[in-house]
Amino acid sequence: MPGSLTDFDIGFRALLNPGIDPSLPQNLTAHGRMSMERYIQIYENGPMGYFTLSEKGVICESNITGANLLNTCIKALPGMQFVKFVMSDFKSVFLNHCKQVLEKGTRQTCDLKFLPTQKQCFFGRLESVAELGMVNRGRLIRTTLLDITQRRRAESALEISESQQQVVTELGQLSLTGIKFTSLLNEALAKVLDTLRLETGEVLEWLPDCGQFLIRAAQGWKKGMVGRKRIMGGTASQSGFTLISGGPVLVADLQTETRFKSPLPELSNRCVVSGVSVLIGKSDKAFGVLGVHSPKKRKFKKNDIIFLQSVAHILASAVKQETARTVLKNSEKRLQFLSSHLLTAQEEERKKIAYMLHDDLGQSLTLLKLQIRAIEMKIEKDGKGAKADCCLAMKNISKTIENVREISHSLTPSILKDLGLSAALHSLFEYFGRYFNVHRHLDMTDMDNQLTQQSKILVYRIFQEAFTNIVRHAKADQIRVCVDRYNNRYRFDIQDNGIGFDLNGLQGNSLKDSGMGLTTMNERVRMLGGQLRIENRMCGGTRLWFEIPDSPGEVEP
């Protein structure tokens, strides 16, 4: 807009308001008058409202479009405060806008929300500039007002759509992180309500055996209902009707609803009026229903329905993942239970064999030894050859008896039962060091008061297999063992200085193909609630270690 008034401006404004401006110049030609009239028509009925305001925001002039925007007769506008037409939340914005125009002297823009016209508020964009008025009028504010309601609605719709898409993306990523299913339901419901600017909603699980819904997640409901409150199915509730219809169910007003018998009483108590609900999963195998509600009448848009269905689809996928995880977990428990019984049976069989070796074969060999000794004593003095044979037989029998004792001890070490795990490991360690000429170092904390008898046997067998691997395969002459306890866990660390381990070969093959008893070792560690780890030491040799809880639970089916 111009910064100063010209003769043409004076004449133009005189046509708009002859009571304020002087008469039109008499030197205007007919062609000029025609151009001015045409300009006046454009000015009065253009797409924008034009206003002249005083320094205090009083309306001095307006065009017809501006008067129509303010829903006021154009003749009644002069002398009225412009701020009177602005919504209360935006009054301070307008006043600050005028202040900036007058102080800075540059063009300023702001968006305002105006009072309802024809029962609807509208958004308008002001663009203003200050100029020096005529005599006794001081400084003026020339401003244009453009209705941007449709633009704001489009921008708002785009913003909501982007927000909904972002929520769907975030929930999809969250469902892939392995989050607990209950946490995912709560997070999804919270994000849906926040995006739709609502406060009440629920996720219901369908229980086909009893024909009811169970509340799995809820906001805006009475406390204590999640996991306890059940909702009737069928036409007795909106959720039941949603399951029957198979599609989204929109409710304009719960009080006048006729498709199902009665609204949920817990929602009615909260003055819920409108709502929408969608299925989670396919109708024949639906997990349940996702529902949201509004305390006032609200017409849910198509994008809102698509948004809810997208979230419901993510939840349905999460249900499948949760079901698969549950099946896998139960299978692992069953496998662990069977493994436990297999190892228990193995231990019982070992005990039986050990007792047979000791009580039957061992005693028989001992008796045979006594018999040969008796024969030896009866042989005449000249029976040197027979006596030598008896001596050789005695040596072989003694060696056999010792081997039987070692086998019996290996199968069921009595020291484990009599003195405990710590003493048994000390004895095992000394045995391998003495018989296989291995230098050894043992640093071990006491474990007998924490571990169960079954856990002690498993730990003993792990060490037994580890020591056997070291002397048979690693060709080591040094073994270092450390057992300590921290944070309610035991840590077992076994190191040697042998030839090392082919970790690449192990990674490319299963443990059962390694031929080194690693499968059994790993299974026993897993049954104790730990994980077996193997690595090559930088200085040579192999390190094997694992951690278990200091009070491993009993294996259950």
Protein backbone atom coordinates (compact mmCIF):
# COMPACT_ATOMS: atom_id res chain seq x y z
CA MET A 1 0.00 0.00 0.00
CA PRO A 2 1.21 3.58 -0.64
CA GLY A 3 2.81 5.48 2.18
CA SER A 4 1.15 8.86 1.44
CA LEU A 5 -2.15 10.04 0.05
CA THR A 6 -2.50 11.33 -3.52
CA ASP A 7 -5.33 13.29 -5.09
CA PHE A 8 -6.61 10.08 -6.60
CA ASP A 9 -6.62 8.43 -3.15
CA ILE A 10 -8.47 11.38 -1.69
CA GLY A 11 -11.11 11.23 -4.37
CA PHE A 12 -11.36 7.44 -4.11
CA ARG A 13 -11.91 7.48 -0.35
CA ALA A 14 -14.44 10.29 -0.76
CA LEU A 15 -16.51 7.89 -2.80
CA LEU A 16 -16.21 5.32 -0.04
CA ASN A 17 -17.07 7.71 2.76
CA PRO A 18 -18.04 11.20 1.55
CA GLY A 19 -18.63 12.30 5.11
CA ILE A 20 -14.93 12.11 5.91
CA ASP A 21 -12.99 13.00 2.77
CA PRO A 22 -13.49 16.19 0.66
CA SER A 23 -15.37 16.21 -2.59
CA LEU A 24 -13.98 14.60 -5.69
CA PRO A 25 -11.64 16.75 -7.74
CA GLN A 26 -13.57 18.44 -10.54
CA ASN A 27 -10.80 17.91 -13.07
CA LEU A 28 -11.42 14.14 -13.37
CA THR A 29 -12.35 13.21 -16.94
CA ALA A 30 -15.19 10.86 -17.82
CA HIS A 31 -12.62 8.19 -18.65
CA GLY A 32 -11.01 8.67 -15.27
CA ARG A 33 -14.34 8.40 -13.51
CA MET A 34 -15.09 5.16 -15.34
CA SER A 35 -11.72 3.72 -14.35
CA MET A 36 -12.27 4.80 -10.78
CA GLU A 37 -15.72 3.17 -10.63
CA ARG A 38 -14.26 -0.03 -12.02
CA TYR A 39 -11.50 0.09 -9.44
CA ILE A 40 -14.07 0.71 -6.71
CA GLN A 41 -15.98 -2.41 -7.73
CA ILE A 42 -12.80 -4.48 -7.58
CA TYR A 43 -11.85 -2.89 -4.27
CA GLU A 44 -15.23 -3.36 -2.63
CA ASN A 45 -15.88 -6.92 -3.76
CA GLY A 46 -12.37 -8.35 -3.99
CA PRO A 47 -11.22 -11.52 -2.19
CA MET A 48 -9.76 -9.54 0.73
CA GLY A 49 -11.17 -7.20 3.26
CA TYR A 50 -9.57 -3.71 3.43
CA PHE A 51 -9.55 -1.69 6.63
CA THR A 52 -8.19 1.59 7.83
CA LEU A 53 -7.58 1.61 11.59
CA SER A 54 -6.57 4.34 13.96
CA GLU A 55 -3.57 4.07 16.24
CA LYS A 56 -5.90 2.66 18.91
CA GLY A 57 -7.33 0.03 16.58
CA VAL A 58 -10.61 1.82 15.87
CA ILE A 59 -12.09 1.06 12.44
CA CYS A 60 -12.14 4.15 10.22
CA GLU A 61 -12.95 2.58 6.87
CA SER A 62 -13.73 -0.81 5.36
CA ASN A 63 -14.70 -2.32 2.05
CA ILE A 64 -17.74 -4.55 1.56
CA THR A 65 -15.72 -7.77 1.68
CA GLY A 66 -14.24 -6.74 5.04
CA ALA A 67 -17.70 -5.96 6.44
CA ASN A 68 -18.99 -9.31 5.21
CA LEU A 69 -16.07 -11.11 6.82
CA LEU A 70 -16.89 -9.46 10.13
CA ASN A 71 -20.61 -10.13 9.55
CA THR A 72 -21.46 -6.45 10.20
CA CYS A 73 -23.12 -3.73 8.16
CA ILE A 74 -20.44 -1.60 6.49
CA LYS A 75 -22.04 1.61 7.74
CA ALA A 76 -21.89 0.35 11.35
CA LEU A 77 -18.18 -0.43 11.28
CA PRO A 78 -16.61 3.05 11.57
CA GLY A 79 -15.93 3.80 15.22
CA MET A 80 -15.94 0.15 16.33
CA GLN A 81 -12.89 -1.48 17.89
CA PHE A 82 -11.44 -4.06 15.48
CA VAL A 83 -10.37 -6.25 18.42
CA LYS A 84 -14.06 -6.70 19.26
CA PHE A 85 -14.32 -9.22 16.39
CA VAL A 86 -11.27 -11.25 17.46
CA MET A 87 -11.54 -14.36 19.62
CA SER A 88 -10.35 -13.78 23.18
CA ASP A 89 -7.37 -16.14 22.82
CA PHE A 90 -6.06 -14.03 19.94
CA LYS A 91 -6.76 -10.50 21.24
CA SER A 92 -3.23 -10.12 22.62
CA VAL A 93 -1.84 -11.25 19.26
CA PHE A 94 -3.75 -8.51 17.46
CA LEU A 95 -2.74 -5.80 19.94
CA ASN A 96 0.91 -6.80 19.66
CA HIS A 97 0.54 -6.81 15.87
CA CYS A 98 -0.66 -3.18 15.87
CA LYS A 99 2.15 -2.20 18.22
CA GLN A 100 4.77 -3.72 15.94
CA VAL A 101 3.28 -1.99 12.89
CA LEU A 102 3.42 1.43 14.53
CA GLU A 103 6.83 1.01 16.17
CA LYS A 104 8.76 -0.60 13.32
CA GLY A 105 7.00 1.10 10.44
CA THR A 106 7.34 -2.00 8.30
CA ARG A 107 4.80 -4.40 6.89
CA GLN A 108 3.67 -6.94 9.53
CA THR A 109 1.62 -10.15 9.22
CA CYS A 110 -0.30 -12.24 11.72
CA ASP A 111 -3.00 -14.92 11.79
CA LEU A 112 -6.10 -14.42 13.95
CA LYS A 113 -9.19 -16.39 14.84
CA PHE A 114 -12.39 -14.38 14.54
CA LEU A 115 -15.73 -14.70 16.29
CA PRO A 116 -18.31 -16.98 14.70
CA THR A 117 -20.05 -15.78 11.59
CA GLN A 118 -22.97 -17.93 10.51
CA LYS A 119 -22.25 -20.26 13.48
CA GLN A 120 -18.64 -20.82 12.47
CA CYS A 121 -15.39 -19.19 13.47
CA PHE A 122 -12.95 -18.34 10.75
CA PHE A 123 -9.21 -17.77 10.53
CA GLY A 124 -7.95 -14.59 8.90
CA ARG A 125 -4.52 -13.33 7.93
CA LEU A 126 -3.80 -9.65 8.60
CA GLU A 127 -1.18 -7.78 6.61
CA SER A 128 -0.71 -4.21 7.85
CA VAL A 129 1.41 -1.13 7.33
CA ALA A 130 1.44 2.28 9.04
CA GLU A 131 1.06 5.58 7.24
CA LEU A 132 0.61 9.21 8.09
CA GLY A 133 -3.06 10.22 7.96
CA MET A 134 -4.62 13.50 6.95
CA VAL A 135 -4.94 16.48 9.24
CA ASN A 136 -6.10 15.65 12.79
CA ARG A 137 -6.19 11.93 12.04
CA GLY A 138 -2.69 11.01 13.29
CA ARG A 139 -1.07 7.80 12.14
CA LEU A 140 -3.23 5.17 10.47
CA ILE A 141 -2.93 1.43 10.00
CA ARG A 142 -3.82 0.19 6.56
CA THR A 143 -4.58 -3.54 6.74
CA THR A 144 -5.93 -6.35 4.59
CA LEU A 145 -7.83 -9.35 5.91
CA LEU A 146 -7.80 -12.64 3.98
CA ASP A 147 -9.95 -15.61 5.00
CA ILE A 148 -7.53 -18.53 5.36
CA THR A 149 -9.92 -20.95 7.04
CA GLN A 150 -9.79 -23.50 4.22
CA ARG A 151 -6.03 -23.23 4.06
CA ARG A 152 -5.74 -23.73 7.81
CA ARG A 153 -8.05 -26.72 7.63
CA ALA A 154 -6.00 -28.23 4.83
CA GLU A 155 -2.77 -27.59 6.73
CA SER A 156 -4.30 -29.05 9.88
CA ALA A 157 -5.53 -32.11 7.99
CA LEU A 158 -2.07 -32.58 6.48
CA GLU A 159 -0.45 -32.17 9.88
CA ILE A 160 -2.81 -34.72 11.43
CA SER A 161 -2.22 -37.14 8.55
CA GLU A 162 1.55 -36.83 8.94
CA SER A 163 1.21 -37.30 12.69
CA GLN A 164 -0.92 -40.42 12.18
CA GLN A 165 1.56 -41.87 9.70
CA GLN A 166 4.41 -41.20 12.11
CA VAL A 167 2.54 -42.98 14.92
CA VAL A 168 1.90 -46.00 12.70
CA THR A 169 5.58 -46.10 11.74
CA GLU A 170 6.74 -45.79 15.35
CA LEU A 171 4.39 -48.53 16.55
CA GLY A 172 5.44 -50.80 13.70
CA GLN A 173 9.10 -50.37 14.65
CA LEU A 174 8.30 -50.77 18.34
CA SER A 175 6.50 -54.07 17.72
CA LEU A 176 9.68 -55.44 16.11
CA THR A 177 11.87 -54.67 19.13
CA GLY A 178 10.44 -57.52 21.21
CA ILE A 179 8.59 -55.20 23.59
CA LYS A 180 6.21 -56.88 25.99
CA PHE A 181 2.78 -57.24 24.44
CA THR A 182 0.99 -55.48 27.32
CA SER A 183 3.40 -52.54 27.06
CA LEU A 184 2.77 -52.35 23.31
CA LEU A 185 -1.01 -52.24 23.88
CA ASN A 186 -0.68 -49.41 26.40
CA GLU A 187 1.74 -47.46 24.19
CA ALA A 188 -0.44 -47.88 21.10
CA LEU A 189 -3.59 -46.72 22.92
CA ALA A 190 -1.81 -43.71 24.40
CA LYS A 191 -0.44 -42.63 21.00
CA VAL A 192 -3.81 -43.10 19.28
CA LEU A 193 -5.65 -40.98 21.85
CA ASP A 194 -2.98 -38.29 21.80
CA THR A 195 -3.02 -38.11 17.99
CA LEU A 196 -6.82 -37.94 17.80
CA ARG A 197 -6.93 -35.49 20.76
CA LEU A 198 -9.14 -37.79 22.81
CA GLU A 199 -8.99 -38.99 26.41
CA THR A 200 -11.01 -42.21 26.45
CA GLY A 201 -10.28 -45.48 24.70
CA GLU A 202 -9.69 -49.17 25.24
CA VAL A 203 -8.23 -52.37 23.81
CA LEU A 204 -10.49 -55.37 24.42
CA GLU A 205 -9.55 -59.03 24.00
CA TRP A 206 -12.27 -61.38 22.76
CA LEU A 207 -12.79 -64.51 24.88
CA PRO A 208 -14.81 -66.85 22.65
CA ASP A 209 -15.27 -69.51 25.33
CA CYS A 210 -17.39 -67.19 27.47
CA GLY A 211 -18.61 -64.78 24.78
CA GLN A 212 -17.15 -61.73 26.51
CA PHE A 213 -14.41 -59.15 26.10
CA LEU A 214 -11.59 -58.62 28.62
CA ILE A 215 -10.13 -55.13 29.01
CA ARG A 216 -6.38 -55.38 28.21
CA ALA A 217 -5.59 -51.65 28.07
CA ALA A 218 -7.68 -48.57 28.85
CA GLN A 219 -7.56 -44.82 29.40
CA GLY A 220 -10.41 -42.72 30.75
CA TRP A 221 -12.03 -45.72 32.43
CA LYS A 222 -12.50 -46.33 36.14
CA LYS A 223 -9.40 -47.59 37.93
CA GLY A 224 -8.86 -51.30 38.47
CA MET A 225 -10.73 -52.47 35.37
CA VAL A 226 -7.75 -53.48 33.21
CA GLY A 227 -7.35 -57.25 33.30
CA ARG A 228 -10.50 -57.67 35.39
CA LYS A 229 -13.55 -56.02 33.82
CA ARG A 230 -15.41 -58.02 31.17
CA ILE A 231 -17.75 -56.64 28.53
CA MET A 232 -20.62 -58.60 27.01
CA GLY A 233 -20.39 -59.54 23.36
CA GLY A 234 -23.06 -59.70 20.68
CA THR A 235 -25.48 -56.81 20.34
CA ALA A 236 -25.14 -55.99 24.03
CA SER A 237 -22.23 -53.62 23.39
CA GLN A 238 -20.54 -51.56 20.71
CA SER A 239 -17.53 -53.88 20.83
CA GLY A 240 -19.73 -56.92 20.34
CA PHE A 241 -21.48 -55.30 17.39
CA THR A 242 -18.07 -54.45 15.91
CA LEU A 243 -17.11 -58.13 16.07
CA ILE A 244 -20.40 -59.15 14.46
CA SER A 245 -20.29 -56.57 11.67
CA GLY A 246 -16.63 -57.18 10.91
CA GLY A 247 -15.98 -53.56 10.03
CA PRO A 248 -15.45 -50.22 11.74
CA VAL A 249 -18.45 -49.02 13.76
CA LEU A 250 -19.06 -45.27 14.04
CA VAL A 251 -21.40 -43.92 16.69
CA ALA A 252 -22.69 -40.35 16.40
CA ASP A 253 -24.51 -40.37 19.74
CA LEU A 254 -24.52 -43.29 22.16
CA GLN A 255 -27.80 -42.15 23.72
CA THR A 256 -29.71 -42.50 20.45
CA GLU A 257 -27.89 -45.63 19.21
CA THR A 258 -30.19 -48.48 18.13
CA ARG A 259 -27.84 -51.05 16.56
CA PHE A 260 -26.85 -52.49 19.93
CA LYS A 261 -28.84 -52.66 23.14
CA SER A 262 -26.97 -50.31 25.42
CA PRO A 263 -23.75 -48.35 25.56
CA LEU A 264 -21.09 -49.29 28.07
CA PRO A 265 -22.22 -47.94 31.45
CA GLU A 266 -18.67 -47.02 32.40
CA LEU A 267 -18.48 -44.79 29.32
CA SER A 268 -21.94 -43.30 29.82
CA ASN A 269 -20.93 -42.21 33.29
CA ARG A 270 -18.14 -40.22 31.69
CA CYS A 271 -20.58 -38.44 29.37
CA VAL A 272 -19.17 -40.08 26.25
CA VAL A 273 -21.19 -39.20 23.17
CA SER A 274 -19.46 -40.24 19.95
CA GLY A 275 -17.01 -43.02 19.20
CA VAL A 276 -15.53 -45.44 16.72
CA SER A 277 -14.27 -49.02 17.09
CA VAL A 278 -12.34 -51.32 14.75
CA LEU A 279 -11.40 -55.00 14.78
CA ILE A 280 -7.93 -56.18 15.73
CA GLY A 281 -7.35 -58.97 13.23
CA LYS A 282 -9.73 -60.70 10.86
CA SER A 283 -13.32 -61.22 11.94
CA ASP A 284 -13.04 -65.03 12.04
CA LYS A 285 -9.84 -64.93 14.13
CA ALA A 286 -10.02 -61.49 15.72
CA PHE A 287 -7.97 -60.79 18.82
CA GLY A 288 -10.43 -58.13 19.92
CA VAL A 289 -11.47 -54.52 19.40
CA LEU A 290 -9.77 -51.11 19.52
CA GLY A 291 -12.16 -48.32 20.48
CA VAL A 292 -11.93 -44.55 21.07
CA HIS A 293 -14.60 -42.15 22.36
CA SER A 294 -15.35 -38.42 22.40
CA PRO A 295 -17.16 -36.51 25.16
CA LYS A 296 -18.99 -34.44 22.54
CA LYS A 297 -20.45 -35.07 19.13
CA ARG A 298 -17.67 -35.64 16.65
CA LYS A 299 -17.73 -36.73 13.06
CA PHE A 300 -14.74 -39.03 12.62
CA LYS A 301 -13.14 -38.63 9.22
CA LYS A 302 -12.13 -41.33 6.80
CA ASN A 303 -8.45 -40.76 7.60
CA ASP A 304 -9.20 -41.32 11.29
CA ILE A 305 -10.75 -44.71 10.48
CA ILE A 306 -7.80 -45.69 8.29
CA PHE A 307 -5.44 -44.61 11.08
CA LEU A 308 -7.23 -46.78 13.65
CA GLN A 309 -7.29 -49.74 11.28
CA SER A 310 -3.55 -49.37 10.63
CA VAL A 311 -2.83 -49.42 14.35
CA ALA A 312 -5.16 -52.40 14.77
CA HIS A 313 -3.27 -54.22 12.00
CA ILE A 314 0.02 -53.66 13.84
CA LEU A 315 -1.52 -55.00 17.04
CA ALA A 316 -2.85 -58.04 15.16
CA SER A 317 0.66 -58.75 13.86
CA ALA A 318 2.00 -58.34 17.39
CA VAL A 319 -0.57 -60.87 18.60
CA LYS A 320 0.77 -63.41 16.10
CA GLN A 321 4.34 -62.70 17.24
CA GLU A 322 3.33 -63.02 20.89
CA THR A 323 1.58 -66.33 20.17
CA ALA A 324 4.66 -67.63 18.35
CA ARG A 325 6.91 -66.53 21.22
CA THR A 326 4.63 -68.27 23.73
CA VAL A 327 4.65 -71.50 21.72
CA LEU A 328 8.44 -71.32 21.39
CA LYS A 329 8.85 -70.61 25.09
CA ASN A 330 6.63 -73.54 26.04
CA SER A 331 8.56 -75.77 23.64
CA GLU A 332 11.83 -74.68 25.21
CA LYS A 333 10.45 -75.41 28.69
CA ARG A 334 9.29 -78.80 27.54
CA LEU A 335 12.67 -79.52 25.96
CA GLN A 336 14.41 -78.38 29.11
CA PHE A 337 12.15 -80.62 31.16
CA LEU A 338 12.89 -83.61 28.94
CA SER A 339 16.61 -82.84 28.99
CA SER A 340 16.51 -82.66 32.77
CA HIS A 341 14.78 -86.02 33.00
CA LEU A 342 17.22 -87.50 30.47
CA LEU A 343 20.23 -86.33 32.45
CA THR A 344 18.60 -87.47 35.69
CA ALA A 345 18.02 -90.89 34.19
CA GLN A 346 21.61 -90.88 32.99
CA GLU A 347 22.84 -90.08 36.48
CA GLU A 348 20.67 -92.83 37.95
CA GLU A 349 22.01 -95.29 35.40
CA ARG A 350 25.54 -94.25 36.23
CA LYS A 351 24.86 -94.84 39.90
CA LYS A 352 23.52 -98.29 39.12
CA ILE A 353 26.55 -99.14 36.99
CA ALA A 354 28.90 -97.76 39.64
CA TYR A 355 27.28 -99.85 42.35
CA MET A 356 27.45 -102.93 40.11
CA LEU A 357 31.12 -102.32 39.40
CA HIS A 358 31.90 -101.75 43.04
CA ASP A 359 29.69 -104.34 44.68
CA ASP A 360 29.71 -107.06 42.06
CA LEU A 361 32.70 -106.88 39.75
CA GLY A 362 34.94 -105.21 42.32
CA GLN A 363 34.18 -107.79 45.00
CA SER A 364 34.56 -110.64 42.52
CA LEU A 365 37.99 -109.40 41.48
CA THR A 366 38.97 -108.98 45.11
CA LEU A 367 37.86 -112.52 45.86
CA LEU A 368 39.76 -113.77 42.83
CA LYS A 369 42.83 -111.97 44.05
CA LEU A 370 42.58 -113.69 47.45
CA GLN A 371 42.12 -117.03 45.79
CA ILE A 372 45.21 -116.63 43.63
CA ARG A 373 47.15 -115.55 46.70
CA ALA A 374 46.03 -118.70 48.47
CA ILE A 375 47.12 -120.79 45.48
CA GLU A 376 50.42 -118.99 45.48
CA MET A 377 51.01 -119.92 49.14
CA LYS A 378 50.31 -123.62 48.46
CA ILE A 379 52.64 -123.91 45.51
CA GLU A 380 55.71 -125.92 46.36
CA LYS A 381 59.02 -124.19 46.59
CA ASP A 382 60.16 -125.57 43.25
CA GLY A 383 57.15 -124.15 41.42
CA LYS A 384 58.88 -120.90 40.56
CA GLY A 385 57.25 -120.55 37.13
CA ALA A 386 53.75 -120.95 38.51
CA LYS A 387 54.49 -118.55 41.28
CA ALA A 388 55.68 -115.93 38.78
CA ASP A 389 52.47 -116.34 36.81
CA CYS A 390 50.51 -115.87 39.98
CA CYS A 391 52.41 -112.67 40.72
CA LEU A 392 51.66 -111.33 37.24
CA ALA A 393 47.99 -112.24 37.62
CA MET A 394 47.94 -110.47 40.97
CA LYS A 395 49.33 -107.30 39.37
CA ASN A 396 46.75 -107.39 36.58
CA ILE A 397 43.96 -107.97 39.05
CA SER A 398 45.19 -105.08 41.23
CA LYS A 399 45.30 -102.81 38.18
CA THR A 400 41.80 -103.94 37.20
CA ILE A 401 40.50 -103.22 40.68
CA GLU A 402 42.05 -99.74 40.55
CA ASN A 403 40.48 -99.11 37.14
CA VAL A 404 37.12 -100.26 38.46
CA ARG A 405 37.47 -97.84 41.35
CA GLU A 406 38.34 -95.00 38.98
CA ILE A 407 35.38 -95.82 36.73
CA SER A 408 33.07 -96.01 39.71
CA HIS A 409 34.37 -92.69 41.04
CA SER A 410 33.96 -91.12 37.60
CA LEU A 411 30.38 -92.33 37.29
CA THR A 412 29.21 -91.29 40.75
CA PRO A 413 31.78 -89.39 42.81
CA SER A 414 30.86 -90.18 46.39
CA ILE A 415 32.81 -87.15 47.55
CA LEU A 416 30.23 -84.91 45.87
CA LYS A 417 27.50 -86.32 48.05
CA ASP A 418 29.63 -86.68 51.19
CA LEU A 419 31.67 -83.44 51.22
CA GLY A 420 30.00 -81.17 48.68
CA LEU A 421 30.78 -79.54 45.30
CA SER A 422 33.80 -77.49 46.37
CA ALA A 423 35.61 -80.53 47.78
CA ALA A 424 34.63 -82.64 44.76
CA LEU A 425 36.05 -80.05 42.33
CA HIS A 426 39.26 -79.82 44.38
CA SER A 427 39.58 -83.63 44.22
CA LEU A 428 38.82 -83.70 40.48
CA PHE A 429 41.35 -80.94 39.87
CA GLU A 430 44.06 -82.75 41.85
CA TYR A 431 43.31 -86.03 40.08
CA PHE A 432 43.79 -84.58 36.58
CA GLY A 433 46.88 -82.67 37.66
CA ARG A 434 48.48 -85.72 39.27
CA TYR A 435 47.69 -88.33 36.61
CA PHE A 436 48.28 -86.14 33.56
CA ASN A 437 51.19 -84.06 34.86
CA VAL A 438 49.43 -80.71 34.52
CA HIS A 439 50.40 -77.62 36.52
CA ARG A 440 47.28 -76.19 38.06
CA HIS A 441 46.00 -73.14 39.90
CA LEU A 442 42.60 -73.11 41.59
CA ASP A 443 40.86 -70.06 43.08
CA MET A 444 37.34 -70.99 44.15
CA THR A 445 34.67 -69.62 46.47
CA ASP A 446 32.35 -71.91 48.41
CA MET A 447 29.13 -72.92 46.60
CA ASP A 448 27.65 -75.70 48.74
CA ASN A 449 25.17 -73.56 50.65
CA GLN A 450 23.57 -72.03 47.56
CA LEU A 451 23.27 -74.63 44.80
CA THR A 452 20.83 -77.53 44.78
CA GLN A 453 22.08 -81.12 44.58
CA GLN A 454 20.99 -81.34 40.94
CA SER A 455 22.86 -78.11 40.13
CA LYS A 456 26.00 -79.41 41.88
CA ILE A 457 25.95 -82.56 39.74
CA LEU A 458 25.56 -80.49 36.56
CA VAL A 459 28.46 -78.17 37.48
CA TYR A 460 30.65 -81.18 38.37
CA ARG A 461 29.95 -82.85 35.02
CA ILE A 462 30.76 -79.61 33.16
CA PHE A 463 34.17 -79.41 34.86
CA GLN A 464 34.76 -83.12 34.33
CA GLU A 465 34.15 -82.78 30.59
CA ALA A 466 36.19 -79.56 30.37
CA PHE A 467 39.23 -81.13 32.08
CA THR A 468 38.94 -84.21 29.85
CA ASN A 469 38.96 -82.01 26.72
CA ILE A 470 42.00 -80.12 27.97
CA VAL A 471 44.18 -83.20 28.58
CA ARG A 472 42.94 -85.11 25.51
CA HIS A 473 42.72 -82.40 22.84
CA ALA A 474 44.35 -79.17 23.97
CA LYS A 475 47.75 -80.73 24.84
CA ALA A 476 48.03 -78.25 27.69
CA ASP A 477 50.33 -78.52 30.69
CA GLN A 478 48.77 -75.65 32.65
CA ILE A 479 45.21 -75.17 33.85
CA ARG A 480 43.84 -72.19 35.73
CA VAL A 481 40.37 -72.22 37.30
CA CYS A 482 38.58 -69.34 38.97
CA VAL A 483 35.14 -69.50 40.59
CA ASP A 484 33.71 -66.35 42.18
CA ARG A 485 30.35 -64.90 43.12
CA TYR A 486 28.93 -61.40 42.53
CA ASN A 487 25.50 -59.85 42.02
CA ASN A 488 23.80 -63.13 43.03
CA ARG A 489 25.59 -65.04 40.27
CA TYR A 490 28.44 -67.55 40.12
CA ARG A 491 31.10 -67.10 37.45
CA PHE A 492 33.15 -70.12 36.36
CA ASP A 493 36.34 -69.47 34.34
CA ILE A 494 38.60 -72.28 32.98
CA GLN A 495 41.79 -71.42 31.05
CA ASP A 496 44.62 -73.51 29.59
CA ASN A 497 47.80 -72.93 27.57
CA GLY A 498 47.11 -75.57 24.94
CA ILE A 499 46.92 -75.41 21.14
CA GLY A 500 43.74 -73.33 21.12
CA PHE A 501 40.39 -73.86 19.53
CA ASP A 502 39.11 -73.69 15.94
CA LEU A 503 36.32 -71.18 16.62
CA ASN A 504 35.59 -70.67 12.90
CA GLY A 505 35.09 -74.39 12.47
CA LEU A 506 32.84 -74.48 15.52
CA GLN A 507 30.70 -71.60 14.19
CA GLY A 508 30.29 -73.40 10.88
CA ASN A 509 29.18 -76.65 12.48
CA SER A 510 26.82 -77.65 15.22
CA LEU A 511 28.16 -78.49 18.67
CA LYS A 512 27.18 -82.11 18.26
CA ASP A 513 29.63 -82.40 15.34
CA SER A 514 32.58 -81.10 17.37
CA GLY A 515 33.19 -84.47 19.02
CA MET A 516 34.40 -82.79 22.20
CA GLY A 517 31.38 -83.08 24.48
CA LEU A 518 30.43 -79.43 23.94
CA THR A 519 26.80 -80.29 23.26
CA THR A 520 26.36 -81.88 26.67
CA MET A 521 28.33 -79.11 28.36
CA ASN A 522 26.26 -76.40 26.68
CA GLU A 523 22.98 -78.16 27.53
CA ARG A 524 23.98 -78.48 31.18
CA VAL A 525 24.94 -74.80 31.38
CA ARG A 526 21.63 -73.84 29.76
CA MET A 527 19.72 -75.93 32.29
CA LEU A 528 21.48 -73.95 35.01
CA GLY A 529 20.24 -70.69 33.48
CA GLY A 530 23.53 -69.69 31.85
CA GLN A 531 25.29 -69.65 28.50
CA LEU A 532 28.56 -71.38 27.63
CA ARG A 533 31.23 -69.18 26.01
CA ILE A 534 34.52 -70.20 24.41
CA GLU A 535 37.35 -68.03 23.09
CA ASN A 536 41.03 -68.31 22.21
CA ARG A 537 43.41 -66.49 24.52
CA MET A 538 45.74 -63.92 22.97
CA CYS A 539 48.72 -65.50 24.73
CA GLY A 540 47.75 -68.99 23.52
CA GLY A 541 45.34 -71.61 24.74
CA THR A 542 41.59 -71.58 25.31
CA ARG A 543 39.26 -69.87 27.73
CA LEU A 544 35.90 -71.38 28.65
CA TRP A 545 33.53 -69.59 30.99
CA PHE A 546 29.89 -69.33 32.02
CA GLU A 547 27.69 -67.65 34.61
CA ILE A 548 24.69 -69.07 36.47
CA PRO A 549 22.32 -67.72 39.15
CA ASP A 550 23.45 -68.55 42.67
CA SER A 551 20.05 -70.18 43.24
CA PRO A 552 19.04 -71.81 39.93
CA GLY A 553 15.37 -72.76 39.85
CA GLU A 554 14.25 -76.30 39.40
CA VAL A 555 13.55 -77.30 35.82
CA GLU A 556 9.81 -77.36 35.22
CA PRO A 557 7.79 -78.72 32.32
